[in-house]
Amino acid sequence: MAADAMGVWAEPVAGACAAFAVVLSAYLFAPAGRLAAASVALVLGSLAAWRVVGGASFPESYGARAYLPTELPLVCTIGAGVVALGCATLLSRRVRFSGHGA
């Protein structure tokens, strides 16, 4: 809804937000092997995204590009997952260097 209110295509925004949340949640809530859990979430989520939005096309509101195939939602989704994995890696290094946590 927020993407629609801003006038942007909702699919890439929703996919990116979902991927970021899932990968970072996998890291934050894993009892052990946090980076491994986040990596598995990224791989499984990428496969699911490929299955769900892999054959997307531009919406009608995109004028001349309307209904043309695009990989934009998939790229945004996987890209956000990779960014989240990067954030998880930074968090794990911060925790390790500070002497707290796993």
C-alpha atoms as a PDB file:
ATOM      1  CA  MET A   1       0.000   0.000   0.000  1.00  0.00           C
ATOM      2  CA  ALA A   2       2.840   2.386   0.782  1.00  0.00           C
ATOM      3  CA  ALA A   3       4.405   1.700  -2.616  1.00  0.00           C
ATOM      4  CA  ASP A   4       1.098   2.459  -4.343  1.00  0.00           C
ATOM      5  CA  ALA A   5       0.720   5.663  -2.343  1.00  0.00           C
ATOM      6  CA  MET A   6       4.185   6.754  -3.479  1.00  0.00           C
ATOM      7  CA  GLY A   7       3.334   5.914  -7.070  1.00  0.00           C
ATOM      8  CA  VAL A   8       5.868   3.102  -7.494  1.00  0.00           C
ATOM      9  CA  TRP A   9       5.385  -0.458  -8.639  1.00  0.00           C
ATOM     10  CA  ALA A  10       4.497  -2.526  -5.567  1.00  0.00           C
ATOM     11  CA  GLU A  11       5.926  -5.929  -6.567  1.00  0.00           C
ATOM     12  CA  PRO A  12       9.639  -5.041  -6.412  1.00  0.00           C
ATOM     13  CA  VAL A  13       9.173  -3.032  -3.209  1.00  0.00           C
ATOM     14  CA  ALA A  14       7.192  -5.761  -1.456  1.00  0.00           C
ATOM     15  CA  GLY A  15       9.617  -8.461  -2.538  1.00  0.00           C
ATOM     16  CA  ALA A  16      12.603  -6.456  -1.361  1.00  0.00           C
ATOM     17  CA  CYS A  17      11.030  -5.722   2.032  1.00  0.00           C
ATOM     18  CA  ALA A  18      10.029  -9.361   2.512  1.00  0.00           C
ATOM     19  CA  ALA A  19      13.467 -10.684   1.556  1.00  0.00           C
ATOM     20  CA  PHE A  20      15.261  -8.250   3.841  1.00  0.00           C
ATOM     21  CA  ALA A  21      12.959  -9.113   6.748  1.00  0.00           C
ATOM     22  CA  VAL A  22      13.215 -12.888   6.271  1.00  0.00           C
ATOM     23  CA  VAL A  23      17.000 -13.018   5.948  1.00  0.00           C
ATOM     24  CA  LEU A  24      17.627 -10.666   8.851  1.00  0.00           C
ATOM     25  CA  SER A  25      15.034 -12.470  11.003  1.00  0.00           C
ATOM     26  CA  ALA A  26      16.712 -15.796  10.256  1.00  0.00           C
ATOM     27  CA  TYR A  27      19.977 -14.305  11.527  1.00  0.00           C
ATOM     28  CA  LEU A  28      18.501 -12.643  14.606  1.00  0.00           C
ATOM     29  CA  PHE A  29      16.365 -15.553  15.801  1.00  0.00           C
ATOM     30  CA  ALA A  30      18.572 -18.556  14.994  1.00  0.00           C
ATOM     31  CA  PRO A  31      19.703 -20.205  18.227  1.00  0.00           C
ATOM     32  CA  ALA A  32      23.065 -21.183  16.696  1.00  0.00           C
ATOM     33  CA  GLY A  33      24.756 -20.851  13.333  1.00  0.00           C
ATOM     34  CA  ARG A  34      23.191 -17.476  12.697  1.00  0.00           C
ATOM     35  CA  LEU A  35      25.019 -16.663   9.460  1.00  0.00           C
ATOM     36  CA  ALA A  36      24.353 -20.153   8.147  1.00  0.00           C
ATOM     37  CA  ALA A  37      20.651 -19.746   8.917  1.00  0.00           C
ATOM     38  CA  ALA A  38      20.566 -16.372   7.156  1.00  0.00           C
ATOM     39  CA  SER A  39      22.377 -17.858   4.148  1.00  0.00           C
ATOM     40  CA  VAL A  40      19.924 -20.744   3.928  1.00  0.00           C
ATOM     41  CA  ALA A  41      17.027 -18.279   4.169  1.00  0.00           C
ATOM     42  CA  LEU A  42      18.559 -16.278   1.311  1.00  0.00           C
ATOM     43  CA  VAL A  43      18.986 -19.336  -0.919  1.00  0.00           C
ATOM     44  CA  LEU A  44      15.532 -20.754  -0.205  1.00  0.00           C
ATOM     45  CA  GLY A  45      13.931 -17.330  -0.506  1.00  0.00           C
ATOM     46  CA  SER A  46      15.692 -16.714  -3.816  1.00  0.00           C
ATOM     47  CA  LEU A  47      14.360 -19.992  -5.187  1.00  0.00           C
ATOM     48  CA  ALA A  48      10.862 -19.139  -3.984  1.00  0.00           C
ATOM     49  CA  ALA A  49      11.092 -15.644  -5.482  1.00  0.00           C
ATOM     50  CA  TRP A  50      12.290 -17.058  -8.798  1.00  0.00           C
ATOM     51  CA  ARG A  51       9.276 -19.372  -8.805  1.00  0.00           C
ATOM     52  CA  VAL A  52       6.786 -16.651  -7.847  1.00  0.00           C
ATOM     53  CA  VAL A  53       7.989 -13.520  -9.666  1.00  0.00           C
ATOM     54  CA  GLY A  54      10.444 -14.948 -12.188  1.00  0.00           C
ATOM     55  CA  GLY A  55       8.083 -14.351 -15.108  1.00  0.00           C
ATOM     56  CA  ALA A  56       6.887 -10.868 -14.184  1.00  0.00           C
ATOM     57  CA  SER A  57       5.934  -8.182 -16.645  1.00  0.00           C
ATOM     58  CA  PHE A  58       5.693  -4.428 -16.300  1.00  0.00           C
ATOM     59  CA  PRO A  59       2.283  -3.138 -15.108  1.00  0.00           C
ATOM     60  CA  GLU A  60      -0.130  -1.296 -17.376  1.00  0.00           C
ATOM     61  CA  SER A  61       0.843   2.057 -15.864  1.00  0.00           C
ATOM     62  CA  TYR A  62       4.338   1.825 -17.422  1.00  0.00           C
ATOM     63  CA  GLY A  63       3.110   3.008 -20.840  1.00  0.00           C
ATOM     64  CA  ALA A  64       5.240   1.661 -23.699  1.00  0.00           C
ATOM     65  CA  ARG A  65       6.836  -0.943 -21.418  1.00  0.00           C
ATOM     66  CA  ALA A  66       3.476  -2.269 -20.208  1.00  0.00           C
ATOM     67  CA  TYR A  67       3.272  -6.067 -20.259  1.00  0.00           C
ATOM     68  CA  LEU A  68       6.873  -6.494 -21.402  1.00  0.00           C
ATOM     69  CA  PRO A  69       8.737  -9.190 -19.471  1.00  0.00           C
ATOM     70  CA  THR A  70      11.097  -8.019 -16.755  1.00  0.00           C
ATOM     71  CA  GLU A  71      13.252  -9.493 -14.047  1.00  0.00           C
ATOM     72  CA  LEU A  72      13.092  -6.311 -11.937  1.00  0.00           C
ATOM     73  CA  PRO A  73      10.993  -7.791  -9.084  1.00  0.00           C
ATOM     74  CA  LEU A  74      13.298 -10.802  -8.869  1.00  0.00           C
ATOM     75  CA  VAL A  75      16.462  -8.696  -8.925  1.00  0.00           C
ATOM     76  CA  CYS A  76      15.096  -6.339  -6.256  1.00  0.00           C
ATOM     77  CA  THR A  77      14.046  -9.265  -4.057  1.00  0.00           C
ATOM     78  CA  ILE A  78      17.341 -11.123  -4.274  1.00  0.00           C
ATOM     79  CA  GLY A  79      19.326  -7.902  -4.002  1.00  0.00           C
ATOM     80  CA  ALA A  80      17.593  -6.963  -0.765  1.00  0.00           C
ATOM     81  CA  GLY A  81      18.277 -10.445   0.590  1.00  0.00           C
ATOM     82  CA  VAL A  82      21.970 -10.057  -0.225  1.00  0.00           C
ATOM     83  CA  VAL A  83      22.023  -6.651   1.485  1.00  0.00           C
ATOM     84  CA  ALA A  84      20.379  -8.205   4.553  1.00  0.00           C
ATOM     85  CA  LEU A  85      22.992 -10.970   4.586  1.00  0.00           C
ATOM     86  CA  GLY A  86      25.655  -8.266   4.452  1.00  0.00           C
ATOM     87  CA  CYS A  87      24.038  -6.528   7.420  1.00  0.00           C
ATOM     88  CA  ALA A  88      23.937  -9.837   9.290  1.00  0.00           C
ATOM     89  CA  THR A  89      27.628 -10.354   8.563  1.00  0.00           C
ATOM     90  CA  LEU A  90      28.439  -6.903   9.906  1.00  0.00           C
ATOM     91  CA  LEU A  91      26.355  -7.579  13.010  1.00  0.00           C
ATOM     92  CA  SER A  92      28.133 -10.874  13.617  1.00  0.00           C
ATOM     93  CA  ARG A  93      31.534  -9.203  13.343  1.00  0.00           C
ATOM     94  CA  ARG A  94      30.462  -6.429  15.696  1.00  0.00           C
ATOM     95  CA  VAL A  95      29.259  -8.972  18.249  1.00  0.00           C
ATOM     96  CA  ARG A  96      32.440 -11.032  17.902  1.00  0.00           C
ATOM     97  CA  PHE A  97      34.766  -8.050  18.304  1.00  0.00           C
ATOM     98  CA  SER A  98      32.901  -6.629  21.260  1.00  0.00           C
ATOM     99  CA  GLY A  99      33.228  -9.916  23.131  1.00  0.00           C
ATOM    100  CA  HIS A 100      29.469 -10.407  23.575  1.00  0.00           C
ATOM    101  CA  GLY A 101      27.057 -12.891  22.059  1.00  0.00           C
ATOM    102  CA  ALA A 102      27.675 -15.939  19.911  1.00  0.00           C
END
